Amino acid sequence: MYDHIQFHTDENYPADLPLENAATHIGMYWQWAAAQGLANPVWQTAPETEADFAAMLAGTLSGTQFLLRHMGGALTPDDFTELGQRFTSFYYDDEEDGYGAFMEDYVRTLDTPALGGFYCVADTPEHYAALAPVFQTAFEHWLGSLKTV
């Protein structure tokens, strides 16, 4: 498992924030990955998720809303293509907390301390629009670092 809302709500979660805020970062990454074709195709073809997946790609449903509605608040390897799994493992990898460059990019791009903390990020199209090119740049750098045979 890469991430789960429960990892964030189990300890020291701010009592004055809605629990959904603990999934904002996960959902924004998921939305970007899906838009890049890195999501397991089952999400866009299953009858129970097809319409919401299309809405997420169109920007009328957030990745966080999709994640909470259909994925139980979790992001797992099964949610991705093989390439998506490899990149997500790389981007999330960190010896200490398990979030690596992804977390650094999220915090730096949105300046979460200035917003009042990591979980104070609103699930908005504007925040997603700020993050998407950062995720894309990380992905492109990673792709460029892969050895070709």
C-alpha atoms as a PDB file:
ATOM      1  CA  MET A   1       0.000   0.000   0.000  1.00  0.00           C
ATOM      2  CA  TYR A   2       1.317   3.414  -0.935  1.00  0.00           C
ATOM      3  CA  ASP A   3      -0.975   5.537   1.167  1.00  0.00           C
ATOM      4  CA  HIS A   4      -4.250   5.380   3.084  1.00  0.00           C
ATOM      5  CA  ILE A   5      -6.393   8.010   4.758  1.00  0.00           C
ATOM      6  CA  GLN A   6      -6.162   6.016   7.975  1.00  0.00           C
ATOM      7  CA  PHE A   7      -2.378   6.469   8.079  1.00  0.00           C
ATOM      8  CA  HIS A   8      -3.101  10.151   8.595  1.00  0.00           C
ATOM      9  CA  THR A   9      -6.143  10.088  10.868  1.00  0.00           C
ATOM     10  CA  ASP A  10      -4.900   7.540  13.403  1.00  0.00           C
ATOM     11  CA  GLU A  11      -2.565   9.910  15.257  1.00  0.00           C
ATOM     12  CA  ASN A  12      -2.381  13.644  15.850  1.00  0.00           C
ATOM     13  CA  TYR A  13      -4.963  14.543  13.223  1.00  0.00           C
ATOM     14  CA  PRO A  14      -6.339  18.051  13.837  1.00  0.00           C
ATOM     15  CA  ALA A  15      -9.740  17.724  15.513  1.00  0.00           C
ATOM     16  CA  ASP A  16     -11.042  20.858  13.815  1.00  0.00           C
ATOM     17  CA  LEU A  17     -10.586  19.550  10.259  1.00  0.00           C
ATOM     18  CA  PRO A  18     -12.858  17.206   8.298  1.00  0.00           C
ATOM     19  CA  LEU A  19     -11.429  13.706   7.915  1.00  0.00           C
ATOM     20  CA  GLU A  20     -11.544  14.097   4.127  1.00  0.00           C
ATOM     21  CA  ASN A  21      -8.629  16.522   4.353  1.00  0.00           C
ATOM     22  CA  ALA A  22      -6.412  13.578   5.284  1.00  0.00           C
ATOM     23  CA  ALA A  23      -6.945  12.212   1.768  1.00  0.00           C
ATOM     24  CA  THR A  24      -6.441  15.404  -0.253  1.00  0.00           C
ATOM     25  CA  HIS A  25      -2.807  14.719  -1.087  1.00  0.00           C
ATOM     26  CA  ILE A  26      -3.568  11.113  -2.047  1.00  0.00           C
ATOM     27  CA  GLY A  27      -6.464  12.125  -4.256  1.00  0.00           C
ATOM     28  CA  MET A  28      -4.534  14.817  -6.065  1.00  0.00           C
ATOM     29  CA  TYR A  29      -1.754  12.382  -6.887  1.00  0.00           C
ATOM     30  CA  TRP A  30      -4.311   9.767  -7.985  1.00  0.00           C
ATOM     31  CA  GLN A  31      -6.054  12.248 -10.286  1.00  0.00           C
ATOM     32  CA  TRP A  32      -2.766  13.214 -11.915  1.00  0.00           C
ATOM     33  CA  ALA A  33      -1.695   9.581 -12.340  1.00  0.00           C
ATOM     34  CA  ALA A  34      -5.046   8.657 -13.882  1.00  0.00           C
ATOM     35  CA  ALA A  35      -4.766  11.573 -16.315  1.00  0.00           C
ATOM     36  CA  GLN A  36      -1.367  10.235 -17.407  1.00  0.00           C
ATOM     37  CA  GLY A  37      -2.768   6.783 -18.189  1.00  0.00           C
ATOM     38  CA  LEU A  38      -1.025   5.247 -15.166  1.00  0.00           C
ATOM     39  CA  ALA A  39      -4.239   3.952 -13.560  1.00  0.00           C
ATOM     40  CA  ASN A  40      -5.346   0.362 -13.808  1.00  0.00           C
ATOM     41  CA  PRO A  41      -7.843   0.356 -16.727  1.00  0.00           C
ATOM     42  CA  VAL A  42     -10.413  -1.407 -14.558  1.00  0.00           C
ATOM     43  CA  TRP A  43     -11.182   1.935 -12.885  1.00  0.00           C
ATOM     44  CA  GLN A  44     -12.314   3.513 -16.130  1.00  0.00           C
ATOM     45  CA  THR A  45     -14.244   0.511 -17.422  1.00  0.00           C
ATOM     46  CA  ALA A  46     -15.991  -0.971 -14.382  1.00  0.00           C
ATOM     47  CA  PRO A  47     -19.709  -0.098 -14.446  1.00  0.00           C
ATOM     48  CA  GLU A  48     -19.644   1.218 -10.865  1.00  0.00           C
ATOM     49  CA  THR A  49     -16.689   3.574 -11.463  1.00  0.00           C
ATOM     50  CA  GLU A  50     -16.707   4.395 -15.182  1.00  0.00           C
ATOM     51  CA  ALA A  51     -18.777   7.603 -14.950  1.00  0.00           C
ATOM     52  CA  ASP A  52     -16.907   8.935 -11.917  1.00  0.00           C
ATOM     53  CA  PHE A  53     -13.543   8.128 -13.502  1.00  0.00           C
ATOM     54  CA  ALA A  54     -14.530  10.128 -16.585  1.00  0.00           C
ATOM     55  CA  ALA A  55     -15.760  12.959 -14.344  1.00  0.00           C
ATOM     56  CA  MET A  56     -12.439  12.933 -12.494  1.00  0.00           C
ATOM     57  CA  LEU A  57     -10.514  13.185 -15.755  1.00  0.00           C
ATOM     58  CA  ALA A  58     -12.824  16.003 -16.860  1.00  0.00           C
ATOM     59  CA  GLY A  59     -12.224  17.845 -13.580  1.00  0.00           C
ATOM     60  CA  THR A  60     -15.830  17.746 -12.392  1.00  0.00           C
ATOM     61  CA  LEU A  61     -15.029  15.217  -9.647  1.00  0.00           C
ATOM     62  CA  SER A  62     -11.812  15.497  -7.670  1.00  0.00           C
ATOM     63  CA  GLY A  63      -9.364  12.664  -7.258  1.00  0.00           C
ATOM     64  CA  THR A  64     -10.012  12.872  -3.531  1.00  0.00           C
ATOM     65  CA  GLN A  65     -13.744  12.404  -4.050  1.00  0.00           C
ATOM     66  CA  PHE A  66     -13.089   9.410  -6.323  1.00  0.00           C
ATOM     67  CA  LEU A  67     -10.611   7.936  -3.853  1.00  0.00           C
ATOM     68  CA  LEU A  68     -13.019   8.199  -0.934  1.00  0.00           C
ATOM     69  CA  ARG A  69     -16.088   7.090  -2.896  1.00  0.00           C
ATOM     70  CA  HIS A  70     -14.580   4.075  -4.673  1.00  0.00           C
ATOM     71  CA  MET A  71     -11.180   3.184  -3.246  1.00  0.00           C
ATOM     72  CA  GLY A  72     -11.759   3.189   0.503  1.00  0.00           C
ATOM     73  CA  GLY A  73      -9.277   6.044   0.898  1.00  0.00           C
ATOM     74  CA  ALA A  74      -6.373   3.816  -0.121  1.00  0.00           C
ATOM     75  CA  LEU A  75      -3.852   3.851  -2.934  1.00  0.00           C
ATOM     76  CA  THR A  76      -2.386   0.418  -3.665  1.00  0.00           C
ATOM     77  CA  PRO A  77      -0.212  -1.096  -6.398  1.00  0.00           C
ATOM     78  CA  ASP A  78      -3.314  -2.755  -7.887  1.00  0.00           C
ATOM     79  CA  ASP A  79      -4.699   0.691  -8.685  1.00  0.00           C
ATOM     80  CA  PHE A  80      -1.970   1.304 -11.270  1.00  0.00           C
ATOM     81  CA  THR A  81      -0.514  -0.032 -14.475  1.00  0.00           C
ATOM     82  CA  GLU A  82       2.922  -1.587 -14.232  1.00  0.00           C
ATOM     83  CA  LEU A  83       4.539   1.727 -15.162  1.00  0.00           C
ATOM     84  CA  GLY A  84       2.321   3.520 -12.662  1.00  0.00           C
ATOM     85  CA  GLN A  85       3.376   1.098  -9.934  1.00  0.00           C
ATOM     86  CA  ARG A  86       7.035   1.620 -10.695  1.00  0.00           C
ATOM     87  CA  PHE A  87       6.798   5.402 -10.669  1.00  0.00           C
ATOM     88  CA  THR A  88       4.589   5.571  -7.588  1.00  0.00           C
ATOM     89  CA  SER A  89       6.956   3.266  -5.707  1.00  0.00           C
ATOM     90  CA  PHE A  90       9.834   5.526  -6.693  1.00  0.00           C
ATOM     91  CA  TYR A  91       8.040   8.806  -5.966  1.00  0.00           C
ATOM     92  CA  TYR A  92       6.665   7.703  -2.598  1.00  0.00           C
ATOM     93  CA  ASP A  93       9.843   5.888  -1.497  1.00  0.00           C
ATOM     94  CA  ASP A  94      11.556   7.259   1.580  1.00  0.00           C
ATOM     95  CA  GLU A  95      13.510   5.451   4.260  1.00  0.00           C
ATOM     96  CA  GLU A  96      11.874   7.338   7.126  1.00  0.00           C
ATOM     97  CA  ASP A  97       8.228   8.172   6.476  1.00  0.00           C
ATOM     98  CA  GLY A  98       7.405   6.409   3.210  1.00  0.00           C
ATOM     99  CA  TYR A  99       6.476   9.514   1.225  1.00  0.00           C
ATOM    100  CA  GLY A 100       9.741  10.648  -0.317  1.00  0.00           C
ATOM    101  CA  ALA A 101       9.909  13.197  -3.099  1.00  0.00           C
ATOM    102  CA  PHE A 102       6.122  13.150  -3.512  1.00  0.00           C
ATOM    103  CA  MET A 103       5.609  14.590  -0.041  1.00  0.00           C
ATOM    104  CA  GLU A 104       8.409  17.110  -0.480  1.00  0.00           C
ATOM    105  CA  ASP A 105       6.914  18.305  -3.771  1.00  0.00           C
ATOM    106  CA  TYR A 106       3.424  18.554  -2.265  1.00  0.00           C
ATOM    107  CA  VAL A 107       4.515  20.533   0.794  1.00  0.00           C
ATOM    108  CA  ARG A 108       6.840  22.831  -1.160  1.00  0.00           C
ATOM    109  CA  THR A 109       4.466  23.517  -4.057  1.00  0.00           C
ATOM    110  CA  LEU A 110       1.438  24.307  -1.906  1.00  0.00           C
ATOM    111  CA  ASP A 111       3.481  25.822   0.953  1.00  0.00           C
ATOM    112  CA  THR A 112       1.433  23.842   3.458  1.00  0.00           C
ATOM    113  CA  PRO A 113       3.011  25.517   6.514  1.00  0.00           C
ATOM    114  CA  ALA A 114       1.655  28.861   5.283  1.00  0.00           C
ATOM    115  CA  LEU A 115      -1.804  27.296   4.914  1.00  0.00           C
ATOM    116  CA  GLY A 116      -1.790  26.204   8.540  1.00  0.00           C
ATOM    117  CA  GLY A 117      -0.418  22.708   8.081  1.00  0.00           C
ATOM    118  CA  PHE A 118      -0.313  19.718   5.780  1.00  0.00           C
ATOM    119  CA  TYR A 119      -3.975  18.808   6.254  1.00  0.00           C
ATOM    120  CA  CYS A 120      -5.232  22.364   5.737  1.00  0.00           C
ATOM    121  CA  VAL A 121      -4.957  22.094   1.949  1.00  0.00           C
ATOM    122  CA  ALA A 122      -8.361  22.546   0.344  1.00  0.00           C
ATOM    123  CA  ASP A 123      -9.364  20.030  -2.314  1.00  0.00           C
ATOM    124  CA  THR A 124      -9.637  22.582  -5.121  1.00  0.00           C
ATOM    125  CA  PRO A 125      -8.962  22.612  -8.855  1.00  0.00           C
ATOM    126  CA  GLU A 126      -6.482  25.441  -8.253  1.00  0.00           C
ATOM    127  CA  HIS A 127      -4.369  23.347  -5.891  1.00  0.00           C
ATOM    128  CA  TYR A 128      -4.524  20.401  -8.265  1.00  0.00           C
ATOM    129  CA  ALA A 129      -3.499  22.691 -11.150  1.00  0.00           C
ATOM    130  CA  ALA A 130      -0.463  23.812  -9.144  1.00  0.00           C
ATOM    131  CA  LEU A 131       0.564  20.246  -8.352  1.00  0.00           C
ATOM    132  CA  ALA A 132      -0.035  18.528 -11.700  1.00  0.00           C
ATOM    133  CA  PRO A 133       2.957  20.073 -13.508  1.00  0.00           C
ATOM    134  CA  VAL A 134       5.191  19.313 -10.523  1.00  0.00           C
ATOM    135  CA  PHE A 135       4.127  15.655 -10.582  1.00  0.00           C
ATOM    136  CA  GLN A 136       4.585  15.662 -14.363  1.00  0.00           C
ATOM    137  CA  THR A 137       8.109  17.035 -14.102  1.00  0.00           C
ATOM    138  CA  ALA A 138       9.032  14.393 -11.515  1.00  0.00           C
ATOM    139  CA  PHE A 139       7.588  11.697 -13.782  1.00  0.00           C
ATOM    140  CA  GLU A 140       9.465  12.954 -16.836  1.00  0.00           C
ATOM    141  CA  HIS A 141      12.754  13.128 -14.904  1.00  0.00           C
ATOM    142  CA  TRP A 142      12.186   9.605 -13.649  1.00  0.00           C
ATOM    143  CA  LEU A 143      11.383   8.338 -17.157  1.00  0.00           C
ATOM    144  CA  GLY A 144      14.557   9.980 -18.432  1.00  0.00           C
ATOM    145  CA  SER A 145      16.593   8.219 -15.763  1.00  0.00           C
ATOM    146  CA  LEU A 146      15.456   4.740 -16.779  1.00  0.00           C
ATOM    147  CA  LYS A 147      17.978   2.586 -18.576  1.00  0.00           C
ATOM    148  CA  THR A 148      16.998   1.505 -22.021  1.00  0.00           C
ATOM    149  CA  VAL A 149      18.060  -1.928 -23.165  1.00  0.00           C
END
